Amino acid sequence: MTNYDEKTGISFGVISQNSINLQSVDSWYDNDSVYDDYVTEIEESVKNGDITDEEMEDNLQNYDNDYHHYYVVDDDGIDAEYFSDLNSWYITRSPYYTFTKQCSPCCPGAGDLESPITKEEYDAGDHNAFMYGTVKAYCLPKEYFDEYAEIPYRVFRVEDDQEVI
């Protein structure tokens, strides 16, 4: 199985960018480590004489077209990656989890945070009751939602399994 935390056994949570309060993740966009690494690599190529300054500019302008932008975030115990081709955030670590249906084959093993199930359904043990099964998945806390983007699931703390929402 992929898309889960080997240490905890909790699946990564996947949620559409359109389902959360965008202002709550505004600062995450300043942290594009992949782009920063790419710029460093291109600058090295110029220094080594492998490409010209003009070619460097072309490469940087075409970056969005050639690569799927994603942002790696570490925000208050939450690690997340944004994949532009899916317009979705992968929550790869969080102090919180919920119970969901599994994602489609695009994200095997991950939990679809927009398709929650109840803890009781999960505890019943019928993990094949849904088309793609069910998982315990990392999630975002209520601070990432508002009256326009309501939190679609119940939230539990990883630390002690207590329900917080």
N, C-alpha and C. Protein backbone atom coordinates (compact mmCIF):
# COMPACT_ATOMS: atom_id res chain seq x y z
N MET A 1 0.85 -1.18 0.00
CA MET A 1 0.00 0.00 0.00
C MET A 1 0.89 1.24 0.00
N THR A 2 0.46 2.26 -0.68
CA THR A 2 1.20 3.51 -0.70
C THR A 2 0.37 4.61 -0.04
N ASN A 3 0.94 5.79 0.05
CA ASN A 3 0.26 6.98 0.58
C ASN A 3 -0.19 6.81 2.03
N TYR A 4 0.70 6.30 2.86
CA TYR A 4 0.42 6.21 4.28
C TYR A 4 1.72 6.39 5.06
N ASP A 5 1.58 6.70 6.32
CA ASP A 5 2.71 6.91 7.22
C ASP A 5 3.12 5.54 7.78
N GLU A 6 4.30 5.07 7.42
CA GLU A 6 4.74 3.74 7.85
C GLU A 6 4.89 3.66 9.37
N LYS A 7 5.19 4.77 9.98
CA LYS A 7 5.40 4.81 11.43
C LYS A 7 4.08 4.63 12.19
N THR A 8 3.03 5.31 11.76
CA THR A 8 1.75 5.27 12.48
C THR A 8 0.71 4.38 11.82
N GLY A 9 0.89 4.08 10.55
CA GLY A 9 -0.11 3.31 9.81
C GLY A 9 -1.28 4.15 9.34
N ILE A 10 -1.23 5.46 9.60
CA ILE A 10 -2.31 6.35 9.20
C ILE A 10 -2.11 6.77 7.74
N SER A 11 -3.18 6.70 6.97
CA SER A 11 -3.11 7.08 5.55
C SER A 11 -2.99 8.59 5.41
N PHE A 12 -2.43 9.01 4.28
CA PHE A 12 -2.41 10.44 3.97
C PHE A 12 -3.84 10.85 3.63
N GLY A 13 -4.19 12.06 3.98
CA GLY A 13 -5.50 12.59 3.62
C GLY A 13 -5.38 13.46 2.39
N VAL A 14 -6.37 13.41 1.52
CA VAL A 14 -6.37 14.21 0.30
C VAL A 14 -7.64 15.05 0.29
N ILE A 15 -7.46 16.36 0.05
CA ILE A 15 -8.60 17.25 0.01
C ILE A 15 -8.41 18.29 -1.08
N SER A 16 -9.47 18.58 -1.79
CA SER A 16 -9.42 19.57 -2.87
C SER A 16 -9.14 20.95 -2.28
N GLN A 17 -8.36 21.71 -2.98
CA GLN A 17 -8.08 23.08 -2.56
C GLN A 17 -9.38 23.88 -2.45
N ASN A 18 -10.37 23.54 -3.26
CA ASN A 18 -11.64 24.26 -3.25
C ASN A 18 -12.48 23.98 -2.01
N SER A 19 -12.09 23.00 -1.22
CA SER A 19 -12.88 22.62 -0.05
C SER A 19 -12.40 23.24 1.25
N ILE A 20 -11.32 23.99 1.20
CA ILE A 20 -10.81 24.61 2.43
C ILE A 20 -10.79 26.13 2.29
N ASN A 21 -10.63 26.80 3.41
CA ASN A 21 -10.53 28.25 3.42
C ASN A 21 -9.14 28.62 2.87
N LEU A 22 -9.11 29.20 1.70
CA LEU A 22 -7.83 29.49 1.04
C LEU A 22 -6.95 30.44 1.83
N GLN A 23 -7.55 31.34 2.59
CA GLN A 23 -6.75 32.26 3.41
C GLN A 23 -5.97 31.51 4.48
N SER A 24 -6.50 30.38 4.92
CA SER A 24 -5.82 29.62 5.97
C SER A 24 -4.54 28.96 5.48
N VAL A 25 -4.40 28.79 4.17
CA VAL A 25 -3.18 28.18 3.62
C VAL A 25 -2.37 29.18 2.79
N ASP A 26 -2.72 30.44 2.86
CA ASP A 26 -2.04 31.47 2.07
C ASP A 26 -0.53 31.46 2.26
N SER A 27 -0.08 31.33 3.49
CA SER A 27 1.36 31.37 3.76
C SER A 27 2.08 30.14 3.21
N TRP A 28 1.35 29.06 2.97
CA TRP A 28 1.98 27.84 2.46
C TRP A 28 2.58 28.05 1.08
N TYR A 29 2.03 28.98 0.32
CA TYR A 29 2.51 29.16 -1.05
C TYR A 29 3.88 29.82 -1.12
N ASP A 30 4.35 30.34 -0.02
CA ASP A 30 5.68 30.94 0.00
C ASP A 30 6.77 29.89 0.19
N ASN A 31 6.38 28.66 0.32
CA ASN A 31 7.31 27.60 0.65
C ASN A 31 7.35 26.55 -0.46
N ASP A 32 7.90 26.91 -1.60
CA ASP A 32 7.99 25.97 -2.71
C ASP A 32 9.43 25.48 -2.81
N SER A 33 9.76 24.48 -2.02
CA SER A 33 11.13 23.98 -1.97
C SER A 33 11.55 23.32 -3.29
N VAL A 34 10.60 22.75 -4.01
CA VAL A 34 10.93 22.13 -5.29
C VAL A 34 11.39 23.20 -6.28
N TYR A 35 10.67 24.31 -6.34
CA TYR A 35 11.04 25.40 -7.22
C TYR A 35 12.39 25.97 -6.81
N ASP A 36 12.59 26.16 -5.51
CA ASP A 36 13.87 26.69 -5.03
C ASP A 36 15.02 25.78 -5.43
N ASP A 37 14.85 24.48 -5.30
CA ASP A 37 15.88 23.53 -5.72
C ASP A 37 16.11 23.61 -7.23
N TYR A 38 15.04 23.77 -7.99
CA TYR A 38 15.14 23.87 -9.44
C TYR A 38 15.93 25.12 -9.83
N VAL A 39 15.65 26.24 -9.19
CA VAL A 39 16.37 27.49 -9.47
C VAL A 39 17.85 27.30 -9.18
N THR A 40 18.18 26.69 -8.05
CA THR A 40 19.59 26.44 -7.69
C THR A 40 20.27 25.57 -8.75
N GLU A 41 19.57 24.55 -9.20
CA GLU A 41 20.11 23.65 -10.23
C GLU A 41 20.36 24.41 -11.54
N ILE A 42 19.41 25.24 -11.94
CA ILE A 42 19.55 26.02 -13.18
C ILE A 42 20.69 27.02 -13.06
N GLU A 43 20.80 27.68 -11.92
CA GLU A 43 21.88 28.65 -11.71
C GLU A 43 23.24 27.96 -11.77
N GLU A 44 23.34 26.75 -11.23
CA GLU A 44 24.57 25.97 -11.31
C GLU A 44 24.92 25.65 -12.77
N SER A 45 23.90 25.34 -13.55
CA SER A 45 24.12 25.04 -14.97
C SER A 45 24.67 26.25 -15.71
N VAL A 46 24.22 27.45 -15.33
CA VAL A 46 24.74 28.68 -15.95
C VAL A 46 26.19 28.88 -15.53
N LYS A 47 26.48 28.72 -14.24
CA LYS A 47 27.85 28.87 -13.72
C LYS A 47 28.81 27.90 -14.39
N ASN A 48 28.34 26.68 -14.63
CA ASN A 48 29.18 25.65 -15.26
C ASN A 48 29.30 25.82 -16.77
N GLY A 49 28.54 26.77 -17.32
CA GLY A 49 28.58 27.00 -18.76
C GLY A 49 27.74 26.03 -19.56
N ASP A 50 26.90 25.25 -18.87
CA ASP A 50 26.06 24.27 -19.56
C ASP A 50 24.92 24.93 -20.33
N ILE A 51 24.42 26.06 -19.80
CA ILE A 51 23.35 26.80 -20.48
C ILE A 51 23.64 28.30 -20.37
N THR A 52 23.01 29.09 -21.23
CA THR A 52 23.20 30.54 -21.21
C THR A 52 22.19 31.18 -20.26
N ASP A 53 22.40 32.47 -19.98
CA ASP A 53 21.44 33.21 -19.15
C ASP A 53 20.06 33.20 -19.79
N GLU A 54 20.04 33.35 -21.11
CA GLU A 54 18.76 33.36 -21.83
C GLU A 54 18.04 32.02 -21.68
N GLU A 55 18.79 30.93 -21.80
CA GLU A 55 18.20 29.60 -21.62
C GLU A 55 17.69 29.42 -20.19
N MET A 56 18.41 29.98 -19.22
CA MET A 56 17.97 29.92 -17.84
C MET A 56 16.62 30.62 -17.68
N GLU A 57 16.49 31.81 -18.26
CA GLU A 57 15.23 32.55 -18.18
C GLU A 57 14.09 31.76 -18.82
N ASP A 58 14.37 31.17 -19.97
CA ASP A 58 13.34 30.35 -20.64
C ASP A 58 12.91 29.18 -19.75
N ASN A 59 13.90 28.51 -19.15
CA ASN A 59 13.59 27.38 -18.27
C ASN A 59 12.72 27.81 -17.09
N LEU A 60 13.06 28.94 -16.50
CA LEU A 60 12.30 29.41 -15.34
C LEU A 60 10.89 29.84 -15.74
N GLN A 61 10.75 30.46 -16.91
CA GLN A 61 9.42 30.87 -17.37
C GLN A 61 8.55 29.67 -17.70
N ASN A 62 9.16 28.59 -18.16
CA ASN A 62 8.41 27.40 -18.54
C ASN A 62 8.22 26.42 -17.38
N TYR A 63 8.74 26.77 -16.22
CA TYR A 63 8.68 25.86 -15.07
C TYR A 63 7.26 25.38 -14.79
N ASP A 64 6.30 26.30 -14.76
CA ASP A 64 4.92 25.92 -14.46
C ASP A 64 4.35 24.96 -15.49
N ASN A 65 4.77 25.09 -16.73
CA ASN A 65 4.24 24.22 -17.78
C ASN A 65 4.90 22.84 -17.76
N ASP A 66 6.15 22.78 -17.32
CA ASP A 66 6.90 21.53 -17.38
C ASP A 66 6.82 20.70 -16.11
N TYR A 67 6.53 21.33 -15.01
CA TYR A 67 6.53 20.63 -13.73
C TYR A 67 5.22 20.87 -13.01
N HIS A 68 4.81 19.87 -12.26
CA HIS A 68 3.62 20.04 -11.44
C HIS A 68 4.07 20.71 -10.15
N HIS A 69 3.63 21.93 -9.98
CA HIS A 69 3.99 22.71 -8.81
C HIS A 69 3.49 22.02 -7.55
N TYR A 70 4.35 21.92 -6.57
CA TYR A 70 3.82 21.52 -5.28
C TYR A 70 4.62 22.18 -4.18
N TYR A 71 3.98 22.30 -3.07
CA TYR A 71 4.54 23.01 -1.94
C TYR A 71 4.63 22.06 -0.77
N VAL A 72 5.77 22.02 -0.14
CA VAL A 72 5.94 21.18 1.03
C VAL A 72 5.83 22.10 2.24
N VAL A 73 4.98 21.75 3.14
CA VAL A 73 4.66 22.63 4.25
C VAL A 73 4.89 21.91 5.58
N ASP A 74 5.39 22.63 6.53
CA ASP A 74 5.44 22.15 7.91
C ASP A 74 4.88 23.27 8.75
N ASP A 75 3.61 23.15 9.11
CA ASP A 75 2.90 24.21 9.79
C ASP A 75 2.21 23.64 11.03
N ASP A 76 2.75 23.92 12.20
CA ASP A 76 2.15 23.45 13.45
C ASP A 76 1.89 21.95 13.45
N GLY A 77 2.89 21.19 13.07
CA GLY A 77 2.76 19.74 13.09
C GLY A 77 2.05 19.15 11.89
N ILE A 78 1.72 20.00 10.91
CA ILE A 78 1.05 19.53 9.70
C ILE A 78 2.03 19.60 8.54
N ASP A 79 2.23 18.48 7.87
CA ASP A 79 3.01 18.46 6.64
C ASP A 79 2.01 18.26 5.50
N ALA A 80 2.14 19.09 4.47
CA ALA A 80 1.20 18.99 3.35
C ALA A 80 1.94 19.26 2.05
N GLU A 81 1.45 18.67 0.99
CA GLU A 81 1.99 18.89 -0.35
C GLU A 81 0.83 19.23 -1.26
N TYR A 82 1.03 20.23 -2.10
CA TYR A 82 0.00 20.62 -3.05
C TYR A 82 0.39 20.11 -4.43
N PHE A 83 -0.52 19.43 -5.09
CA PHE A 83 -0.28 18.94 -6.43
C PHE A 83 -1.24 19.66 -7.38
N SER A 84 -0.67 20.49 -8.24
CA SER A 84 -1.51 21.32 -9.11
C SER A 84 -2.29 20.49 -10.12
N ASP A 85 -1.74 19.35 -10.54
CA ASP A 85 -2.47 18.55 -11.53
C ASP A 85 -3.75 17.95 -10.94
N LEU A 86 -3.82 17.82 -9.62
CA LEU A 86 -5.03 17.32 -8.96
C LEU A 86 -5.79 18.43 -8.25
N ASN A 87 -5.21 19.62 -8.17
CA ASN A 87 -5.76 20.75 -7.41
C ASN A 87 -6.11 20.30 -5.99
N SER A 88 -5.20 19.53 -5.40
CA SER A 88 -5.47 18.94 -4.09
C SER A 88 -4.25 19.00 -3.19
N TRP A 89 -4.54 19.04 -1.91
CA TRP A 89 -3.53 18.97 -0.87
C TRP A 89 -3.45 17.55 -0.34
N TYR A 90 -2.24 17.02 -0.22
CA TYR A 90 -1.98 15.76 0.47
C TYR A 90 -1.55 16.14 1.88
N ILE A 91 -2.24 15.66 2.87
CA ILE A 91 -1.85 15.88 4.25
C ILE A 91 -1.04 14.65 4.65
N THR A 92 0.28 14.81 4.75
CA THR A 92 1.18 13.67 4.98
C THR A 92 1.57 13.49 6.44
N ARG A 93 1.23 14.47 7.27
CA ARG A 93 1.44 14.35 8.71
C ARG A 93 0.55 15.39 9.37
N SER A 94 -0.04 15.00 10.49
CA SER A 94 -0.92 15.92 11.21
C SER A 94 -1.12 15.38 12.62
N PRO A 95 -1.38 16.25 13.57
CA PRO A 95 -1.74 15.77 14.90
C PRO A 95 -3.18 15.24 14.94
N TYR A 96 -3.87 15.29 13.80
CA TYR A 96 -5.28 14.91 13.73
C TYR A 96 -5.54 13.88 12.62
N TYR A 97 -6.58 13.10 12.82
CA TYR A 97 -7.02 12.15 11.79
C TYR A 97 -8.53 12.08 11.78
N THR A 98 -9.05 11.45 10.75
CA THR A 98 -10.47 11.18 10.64
C THR A 98 -10.64 9.84 9.93
N PHE A 99 -11.87 9.44 9.72
CA PHE A 99 -12.17 8.19 9.03
C PHE A 99 -12.84 8.52 7.71
N THR A 100 -12.34 7.92 6.63
CA THR A 100 -12.83 8.26 5.29
C THR A 100 -12.89 7.03 4.40
N LYS A 101 -13.52 7.23 3.27
CA LYS A 101 -13.41 6.26 2.19
C LYS A 101 -12.04 6.45 1.57
N GLN A 102 -11.53 5.41 0.96
CA GLN A 102 -10.26 5.54 0.26
C GLN A 102 -10.44 6.38 -0.99
N CYS A 103 -9.34 7.00 -1.41
CA CYS A 103 -9.36 7.78 -2.65
C CYS A 103 -9.47 6.85 -3.85
N SER A 104 -9.75 7.47 -4.96
CA SER A 104 -9.80 6.74 -6.22
C SER A 104 -8.40 6.21 -6.54
N PRO A 105 -8.27 5.48 -7.59
CA PRO A 105 -6.95 4.94 -7.96
C PRO A 105 -5.87 6.00 -8.20
N CYS A 106 -6.26 7.26 -8.31
CA CYS A 106 -5.26 8.33 -8.49
C CYS A 106 -4.34 8.44 -7.28
N CYS A 107 -4.85 8.13 -6.11
CA CYS A 107 -4.12 8.28 -4.85
C CYS A 107 -4.29 6.99 -4.04
N PRO A 108 -3.75 5.88 -4.49
CA PRO A 108 -4.01 4.60 -3.84
C PRO A 108 -3.60 4.59 -2.37
N GLY A 109 -4.51 4.11 -1.53
CA GLY A 109 -4.22 4.00 -0.11
C GLY A 109 -4.50 5.25 0.70
N ALA A 110 -4.65 6.39 0.05
CA ALA A 110 -4.92 7.65 0.76
C ALA A 110 -6.40 7.75 1.08
N GLY A 111 -6.71 8.64 2.03
CA GLY A 111 -8.10 8.85 2.42
C GLY A 111 -8.68 10.08 1.76
N ASP A 112 -9.87 9.95 1.22
CA ASP A 112 -10.58 11.07 0.59
C ASP A 112 -11.29 11.87 1.68
N LEU A 113 -10.72 13.00 2.08
CA LEU A 113 -11.26 13.78 3.18
C LEU A 113 -12.63 14.38 2.88
N GLU A 114 -13.04 14.32 1.64
CA GLU A 114 -14.37 14.81 1.27
C GLU A 114 -15.41 13.69 1.24
N SER A 115 -14.97 12.49 1.64
CA SER A 115 -15.88 11.34 1.72
C SER A 115 -15.73 10.68 3.08
N PRO A 116 -16.09 11.41 4.14
CA PRO A 116 -15.91 10.85 5.48
C PRO A 116 -16.91 9.75 5.80
N ILE A 117 -16.54 8.93 6.75
CA ILE A 117 -17.45 7.94 7.32
C ILE A 117 -17.43 8.15 8.83
N THR A 118 -18.33 7.53 9.54
CA THR A 118 -18.34 7.68 10.99
C THR A 118 -17.35 6.71 11.62
N LYS A 119 -16.93 7.04 12.82
CA LYS A 119 -16.05 6.14 13.56
C LYS A 119 -16.77 4.81 13.79
N GLU A 120 -18.06 4.86 14.02
CA GLU A 120 -18.84 3.65 14.24
C GLU A 120 -18.82 2.74 13.00
N GLU A 121 -18.93 3.33 11.82
CA GLU A 121 -18.85 2.54 10.59
C GLU A 121 -17.47 1.92 10.46
N TYR A 122 -16.46 2.70 10.80
CA TYR A 122 -15.09 2.19 10.72
C TYR A 122 -14.89 1.07 11.74
N ASP A 123 -15.35 1.31 12.98
CA ASP A 123 -15.18 0.32 14.05
C ASP A 123 -15.96 -0.97 13.80
N ALA A 124 -17.03 -0.88 13.00
CA ALA A 124 -17.83 -2.08 12.70
C ALA A 124 -16.99 -3.10 11.94
N GLY A 125 -15.89 -2.65 11.38
CA GLY A 125 -14.97 -3.58 10.74
C GLY A 125 -15.30 -3.95 9.32
N ASP A 126 -16.33 -3.41 8.76
CA ASP A 126 -16.70 -3.73 7.38
C ASP A 126 -15.98 -2.77 6.45
N HIS A 127 -14.65 -2.91 6.38
CA HIS A 127 -13.83 -1.97 5.61
C HIS A 127 -14.00 -2.13 4.10
N ASN A 128 -14.69 -3.14 3.68
CA ASN A 128 -14.93 -3.31 2.25
C ASN A 128 -16.35 -2.91 1.87
N ALA A 129 -17.07 -2.29 2.80
CA ALA A 129 -18.46 -1.91 2.55
C ALA A 129 -18.57 -0.84 1.47
N PHE A 130 -17.51 -0.14 1.24
CA PHE A 130 -17.51 0.93 0.24
C PHE A 130 -16.65 0.50 -0.94
N MET A 131 -16.87 1.14 -2.03
CA MET A 131 -16.20 0.76 -3.26
C MET A 131 -14.68 0.64 -3.09
N TYR A 132 -14.06 1.58 -2.42
CA TYR A 132 -12.61 1.58 -2.29
C TYR A 132 -12.15 1.26 -0.88
N GLY A 133 -13.02 0.81 0.00
CA GLY A 133 -12.64 0.52 1.37
C GLY A 133 -12.61 1.79 2.21
N THR A 134 -12.18 1.63 3.47
CA THR A 134 -12.14 2.76 4.38
C THR A 134 -10.78 2.85 5.03
N VAL A 135 -10.41 4.06 5.45
CA VAL A 135 -9.11 4.26 6.09
C VAL A 135 -9.21 5.30 7.19
N LYS A 136 -8.23 5.25 8.07
CA LYS A 136 -7.99 6.29 9.06
C LYS A 136 -6.97 7.20 8.38
N ALA A 137 -7.29 8.50 8.21
CA ALA A 137 -6.44 9.39 7.41
C ALA A 137 -6.12 10.69 8.14
N TYR A 138 -4.90 11.17 7.95
CA TYR A 138 -4.54 12.48 8.49
C TYR A 138 -5.48 13.53 7.91
N CYS A 139 -5.78 14.56 8.70
CA CYS A 139 -6.69 15.60 8.23
C CYS A 139 -6.27 16.97 8.77
N LEU A 140 -6.95 17.98 8.29
CA LEU A 140 -6.74 19.35 8.76
C LEU A 140 -7.74 19.64 9.88
N PRO A 141 -7.33 20.44 10.87
CA PRO A 141 -8.27 20.82 11.93
C PRO A 141 -9.23 21.91 11.46
N LYS A 142 -10.16 22.26 12.31
CA LYS A 142 -11.22 23.20 11.95
C LYS A 142 -10.71 24.58 11.56
N GLU A 143 -9.52 24.97 11.99
CA GLU A 143 -8.97 26.29 11.67
C GLU A 143 -8.78 26.50 10.15
N TYR A 144 -8.79 25.43 9.40
CA TYR A 144 -8.58 25.52 7.95
C TYR A 144 -9.91 25.62 7.18
N PHE A 145 -10.99 25.78 7.91
CA PHE A 145 -12.32 25.86 7.30
C PHE A 145 -13.04 27.09 7.84
N ASP A 146 -14.14 27.46 7.23
CA ASP A 146 -14.95 28.58 7.71
C ASP A 146 -16.40 28.37 7.28
N GLU A 147 -17.22 29.42 7.39
CA GLU A 147 -18.65 29.26 7.05
C GLU A 147 -18.87 28.98 5.57
N TYR A 148 -17.88 29.29 4.73
CA TYR A 148 -18.01 29.03 3.30
C TYR A 148 -17.41 27.69 2.89
N ALA A 149 -16.49 27.23 3.70
CA ALA A 149 -15.85 25.94 3.47
C ALA A 149 -15.92 25.19 4.79
N GLU A 150 -17.06 24.53 5.02
CA GLU A 150 -17.28 23.85 6.30
C GLU A 150 -16.48 22.55 6.37
N ILE A 151 -16.04 22.24 7.58
CA ILE A 151 -15.27 21.01 7.78
C ILE A 151 -16.20 19.82 7.53
N PRO A 152 -15.80 18.90 6.65
CA PRO A 152 -16.71 17.82 6.25
C PRO A 152 -16.61 16.55 7.09
N TYR A 153 -15.77 16.54 8.13
CA TYR A 153 -15.52 15.30 8.85
C TYR A 153 -15.34 15.56 10.35
N ARG A 154 -15.38 14.46 11.12
CA ARG A 154 -15.07 14.52 12.54
C ARG A 154 -13.55 14.46 12.69
N VAL A 155 -13.02 15.04 13.75
CA VAL A 155 -11.56 15.13 13.94
C VAL A 155 -11.18 14.46 15.26
N PHE A 156 -10.13 13.63 15.19
CA PHE A 156 -9.59 12.93 16.35
C PHE A 156 -8.11 13.26 16.49
N ARG A 157 -7.61 13.33 17.74
CA ARG A 157 -6.18 13.57 17.97
C ARG A 157 -5.41 12.27 17.82
N VAL A 158 -4.30 12.31 17.10
CA VAL A 158 -3.44 11.14 16.95
C VAL A 158 -2.88 10.73 18.31
N GLU A 159 -2.53 11.69 19.11
CA GLU A 159 -1.87 11.47 20.40
C GLU A 159 -2.66 10.56 21.33
N ASP A 160 -3.99 10.77 21.42
CA ASP A 160 -4.77 10.02 22.40
C ASP A 160 -6.12 9.49 21.87
N ASP A 161 -6.35 9.62 20.57
CA ASP A 161 -7.56 9.14 19.92
C ASP A 161 -8.85 9.83 20.41
N GLN A 162 -8.71 10.97 21.06
CA GLN A 162 -9.88 11.71 21.54
C GLN A 162 -10.49 12.53 20.41
N GLU A 163 -11.81 12.52 20.34
CA GLU A 163 -12.50 13.33 19.34
C GLU A 163 -12.46 14.80 19.78
N VAL A 164 -12.06 15.68 18.86
CA VAL A 164 -11.99 17.10 19.17
C VAL A 164 -13.07 17.88 18.44
N ILE A 165 -13.66 17.30 17.42
CA ILE A 165 -14.80 17.92 16.71
C ILE A 165 -15.80 16.81 16.40
